[in-house]
C-alpha atoms as a PDB file:
ATOM      1  CA  MET A   1     110.576  96.492 103.549  1.00  0.00           C
ATOM      2  CA  ARG A   2     108.348  99.269 102.274  1.00  0.00           C
ATOM      3  CA  ILE A   3     104.609  98.965 102.712  1.00  0.00           C
ATOM      4  CA  THR A   4     102.347 100.923 100.422  1.00  0.00           C
ATOM      5  CA  GLY A   5      98.636 101.454 100.727  1.00  0.00           C
ATOM      6  CA  ASN A   6      97.853 100.264  97.223  1.00  0.00           C
ATOM      7  CA  LYS A   7      95.125  97.650  97.159  1.00  0.00           C
ATOM      8  CA  PRO A   8      93.898  95.738  94.125  1.00  0.00           C
ATOM      9  CA  VAL A   9      90.728  97.027  92.535  1.00  0.00           C
ATOM     10  CA  THR A  10      87.815  94.633  92.676  1.00  0.00           C
ATOM     11  CA  GLY A  11      84.440  94.642  90.966  1.00  0.00           C
ATOM     12  CA  VAL A  12      85.712  96.141  87.714  1.00  0.00           C
ATOM     13  CA  GLN A  13      83.916  95.050  84.570  1.00  0.00           C
ATOM     14  CA  GLY A  14      85.999  93.892  81.666  1.00  0.00           C
ATOM     15  CA  ARG A  15      85.717  94.939  78.018  1.00  0.00           C
ATOM     16  CA  GLY A  16      83.073  92.378  77.234  1.00  0.00           C
ATOM     17  CA  ALA A  17      80.656  93.765  79.802  1.00  0.00           C
ATOM     18  CA  LYS A  18      78.134  96.214  78.389  1.00  0.00           C
ATOM     19  CA  LYS A  19      76.208  98.818  80.263  1.00  0.00           C
ATOM     20  CA  GLN A  20      72.550  98.122  80.356  1.00  0.00           C
ATOM     21  CA  THR A  21      70.195 101.075  80.134  1.00  0.00           C
ATOM     22  CA  PRO A  22      66.632 100.637  81.195  1.00  0.00           C
ATOM     23  CA  SER A  23      64.210 100.965  78.315  1.00  0.00           C
ATOM     24  CA  GLY A  24      61.883 103.926  78.301  1.00  0.00           C
ATOM     25  CA  THR A  25      64.306 106.349  79.953  1.00  0.00           C
ATOM     26  CA  GLU A  26      64.232 109.991  79.055  1.00  0.00           C
ATOM     27  CA  GLN A  27      66.934 111.442  76.854  1.00  0.00           C
ATOM     28  CA  PHE A  28      68.513 114.866  77.066  1.00  0.00           C
ATOM     29  CA  THR A  29      66.975 117.472  74.762  1.00  0.00           C
ATOM     30  CA  PRO A  30      68.432 120.990  74.702  1.00  0.00           C
ATOM     31  CA  ASP A  31      66.215 124.049  74.978  1.00  0.00           C
ATOM     32  CA  MET A  32      66.417 125.707  71.544  1.00  0.00           C
ATOM     33  CA  GLY A  33      64.532 128.878  72.177  1.00  0.00           C
ATOM     34  CA  GLY A  34      63.300 131.146  74.798  1.00  0.00           C
ATOM     35  CA  GLU A  35      64.159 134.370  76.403  1.00  0.00           C
ATOM     36  CA  VAL A  36      67.772 135.442  76.911  1.00  0.00           C
ATOM     37  CA  THR A  37      68.525 137.426  80.031  1.00  0.00           C
ATOM     38  CA  GLN A  38      71.554 139.658  80.400  1.00  0.00           C
ATOM     39  CA  SER A  39      73.870 139.050  83.271  1.00  0.00           C
ATOM     40  CA  ALA A  40      75.310 141.786  85.423  1.00  0.00           C
ATOM     41  CA  GLN A  41      78.962 142.745  85.037  1.00  0.00           C
ATOM     42  CA  VAL A  42      81.352 140.803  87.179  1.00  0.00           C
ATOM     43  CA  ALA A  43      83.185 142.846  89.771  1.00  0.00           C
ATOM     44  CA  GLY A  44      86.990 142.791  89.788  1.00  0.00           C
ATOM     45  CA  GLY A  45      88.855 140.417  92.103  1.00  0.00           C
ATOM     46  CA  THR A  46      89.611 142.893  94.861  1.00  0.00           C
ATOM     47  CA  ALA A  47      89.788 140.218  97.568  1.00  0.00           C
ATOM     48  CA  ILE A  48      92.993 138.725  96.202  1.00  0.00           C
ATOM     49  CA  GLN A  49      96.084 140.853  96.399  1.00  0.00           C
ATOM     50  CA  GLY A  50      98.307 139.959  93.428  1.00  0.00           C
ATOM     51  CA  MET A  51     101.760 139.840  94.968  1.00  0.00           C
ATOM     52  CA  ASP A  52     100.677 138.304  98.289  1.00  0.00           C
ATOM     53  CA  ALA A  53      98.853 135.498  96.502  1.00  0.00           C
ATOM     54  CA  LEU A  54     101.880 134.714  94.324  1.00  0.00           C
ATOM     55  CA  LEU A  55     104.185 134.603  97.321  1.00  0.00           C
ATOM     56  CA  ALA A  56     101.794 132.322  99.184  1.00  0.00           C
ATOM     57  CA  LEU A  57     101.626 129.958  96.198  1.00  0.00           C
ATOM     58  CA  GLN A  58     105.404 129.829  95.954  1.00  0.00           C
ATOM     59  CA  GLU A  59     105.653 128.989  99.652  1.00  0.00           C
ATOM     60  CA  VAL A  60     103.168 126.127  99.321  1.00  0.00           C
ATOM     61  CA  ASP A  61     105.073 124.726  96.336  1.00  0.00           C
ATOM     62  CA  ALA A  62     108.364 124.932  98.231  1.00  0.00           C
ATOM     63  CA  ARG A  63     106.902 123.034 101.207  1.00  0.00           C
ATOM     64  CA  GLU A  64     105.491 120.321  98.981  1.00  0.00           C
ATOM     65  CA  GLU A  65     108.809 120.038  97.139  1.00  0.00           C
ATOM     66  CA  ARG A  66     110.719 119.694 100.435  1.00  0.00           C
ATOM     67  CA  ARG A  67     108.311 116.975 101.593  1.00  0.00           C
ATOM     68  CA  SER A  68     108.676 115.174  98.291  1.00  0.00           C
ATOM     69  CA  LYS A  69     112.486 115.303  98.432  1.00  0.00           C
ATOM     70  CA  ALA A  70     112.470 114.089 102.026  1.00  0.00           C
ATOM     71  CA  ALA A  71     110.178 111.197 101.109  1.00  0.00           C
ATOM     72  CA  ARG A  72     112.433 110.223  98.195  1.00  0.00           C
ATOM     73  CA  TYR A  73     115.443 110.353 100.532  1.00  0.00           C
ATOM     74  CA  GLY A  74     113.714 108.046 103.003  1.00  0.00           C
ATOM     75  CA  HIS A  75     112.648 105.616 100.284  1.00  0.00           C
ATOM     76  CA  THR A  76     116.187 105.548  98.874  1.00  0.00           C
ATOM     77  CA  LEU A  77     117.618 104.705 102.292  1.00  0.00           C
ATOM     78  CA  LEU A  78     115.048 101.963 102.810  1.00  0.00           C
ATOM     79  CA  ASP A  79     115.672 100.482  99.362  1.00  0.00           C
ATOM     80  CA  THR A  80     119.430 100.419  99.950  1.00  0.00           C
ATOM     81  CA  LEU A  81     118.895  98.823 103.372  1.00  0.00           C
ATOM     82  CA  GLU A  82     116.769  96.171 101.688  1.00  0.00           C
ATOM     83  CA  SER A  83     119.615  95.491  99.243  1.00  0.00           C
ATOM     84  CA  VAL A  84     122.080  95.127 102.136  1.00  0.00           C
ATOM     85  CA  ARG A  85     119.670  92.701 103.809  1.00  0.00           C
ATOM     86  CA  ALA A  86     119.533  90.633 100.623  1.00  0.00           C
ATOM     87  CA  ASP A  87     123.338  90.650 100.506  1.00  0.00           C
ATOM     88  CA  LEU A  88     123.471  89.459 104.118  1.00  0.00           C
ATOM     89  CA  LEU A  89     121.103  86.607 103.327  1.00  0.00           C
ATOM     90  CA  ALA A  90     123.278  85.635 100.357  1.00  0.00           C
ATOM     91  CA  GLY A  91     126.338  85.637 102.624  1.00  0.00           C
ATOM     92  CA  VAL A  92     128.370  88.370 100.909  1.00  0.00           C
ATOM     93  CA  VAL A  93     127.915  92.074 101.580  1.00  0.00           C
ATOM     94  CA  SER A  94     129.102  94.344  98.809  1.00  0.00           C
ATOM     95  CA  GLU A  95     131.600  96.975  99.965  1.00  0.00           C
ATOM     96  CA  ASP A  96     130.312  99.339  97.282  1.00  0.00           C
ATOM     97  CA  ARG A  97     126.779  99.034  98.605  1.00  0.00           C
ATOM     98  CA  LEU A  98     127.947  99.837 102.133  1.00  0.00           C
ATOM     99  CA  GLU A  99     129.831 102.846 100.815  1.00  0.00           C
ATOM    100  CA  VAL A 100     126.730 104.058  98.981  1.00  0.00           C
ATOM    101  CA  LEU A 101     124.661 103.600 102.128  1.00  0.00           C
ATOM    102  CA  SER A 102     127.088 105.584 104.264  1.00  0.00           C
ATOM    103  CA  SER A 103     127.312 108.361 101.657  1.00  0.00           C
ATOM    104  CA  GLN A 104     123.521 108.604 101.496  1.00  0.00           C
ATOM    105  CA  LEU A 105     123.491 109.608 105.161  1.00  0.00           C
ATOM    106  CA  THR A 106     125.219 112.866 104.243  1.00  0.00           C
ATOM    107  CA  ASN A 107     122.413 113.832 101.832  1.00  0.00           C
ATOM    108  CA  ARG A 108     119.891 114.562 104.588  1.00  0.00           C
ATOM    109  CA  GLN A 109     116.706 116.273 103.378  1.00  0.00           C
ATOM    110  CA  THR A 110     114.498 118.068 105.876  1.00  0.00           C
ATOM    111  CA  SER A 111     110.835 118.414 105.085  1.00  0.00           C
ATOM    112  CA  GLY A 112     109.781 121.053 107.579  1.00  0.00           C
ATOM    113  CA  ASP A 113     107.159 118.647 108.940  1.00  0.00           C
ATOM    114  CA  ASP A 114     108.003 117.269 112.391  1.00  0.00           C
ATOM    115  CA  ARG A 115     106.316 113.920 111.765  1.00  0.00           C
ATOM    116  CA  ILE A 116     108.142 113.268 108.506  1.00  0.00           C
ATOM    117  CA  ASP A 117     111.457 114.387 109.988  1.00  0.00           C
ATOM    118  CA  SER A 118     111.026 112.039 112.966  1.00  0.00           C
ATOM    119  CA  VAL A 119     110.437 109.093 110.602  1.00  0.00           C
ATOM    120  CA  LEU A 120     113.557 110.060 108.646  1.00  0.00           C
ATOM    121  CA  GLU A 121     115.550 110.169 111.895  1.00  0.00           C
ATOM    122  CA  GLU A 122     114.374 106.641 112.736  1.00  0.00           C
ATOM    123  CA  ILE A 123     115.380 105.395 109.273  1.00  0.00           C
ATOM    124  CA  GLU A 124     118.785 107.069 109.601  1.00  0.00           C
ATOM    125  CA  LEU A 125     119.266 105.500 113.031  1.00  0.00           C
ATOM    126  CA  ARG A 126     118.537 102.070 111.557  1.00  0.00           C
ATOM    127  CA  VAL A 127     121.063 102.703 108.766  1.00  0.00           C
ATOM    128  CA  LYS A 128     123.693 103.741 111.325  1.00  0.00           C
ATOM    129  CA  VAL A 129     123.026 100.617 113.389  1.00  0.00           C
ATOM    130  CA  GLU A 130     123.417  98.351 110.357  1.00  0.00           C
ATOM    131  CA  LEU A 131     126.592 100.133 109.283  1.00  0.00           C
ATOM    132  CA  ALA A 132     127.977  99.873 112.827  1.00  0.00           C
ATOM    133  CA  LYS A 133     127.230  96.130 112.900  1.00  0.00           C
ATOM    134  CA  LEU A 134     129.288  95.743 109.741  1.00  0.00           C
ATOM    135  CA  GLY A 135     132.104  97.984 111.053  1.00  0.00           C
ATOM    136  CA  ARG A 136     131.472 100.805 108.578  1.00  0.00           C
ATOM    137  CA  PHE A 137     130.037 103.542 110.819  1.00  0.00           C
ATOM    138  CA  THR A 138     131.987 105.426 113.406  1.00  0.00           C
ATOM    139  CA  ASP A 139     130.336 108.359 115.109  1.00  0.00           C
ATOM    140  CA  THR A 140     132.734 111.283 114.758  1.00  0.00           C
END
């Protein structure tokens, strides 16, 4: 069972609710005249080295992509485990579903983050236990 942190929003006004503005409030009026001052020229961006910055950005994107893929992998395993649980409660476990579950174990995605990888290892261990209970997993 997957638990998400989404909570319902409370205290939201519907369409029929109108904003009330206190009477006698000041309104915005733009300044239409006055003296214009010249600004100094902006110095070039010497602090950022072009190629180093691009390489750093690519590395950050690659890390985020690996984390995202690892999270999707974990969610897929959990969803398939939930389907197997539902099959067990119904009394008939689909052989195709067990085959899909065992093949998903070969698609391991590492995130590069030790905490995420440890959670994935725990999920994989649970999948292996369930497959072993049903006679579909043999450690080779």
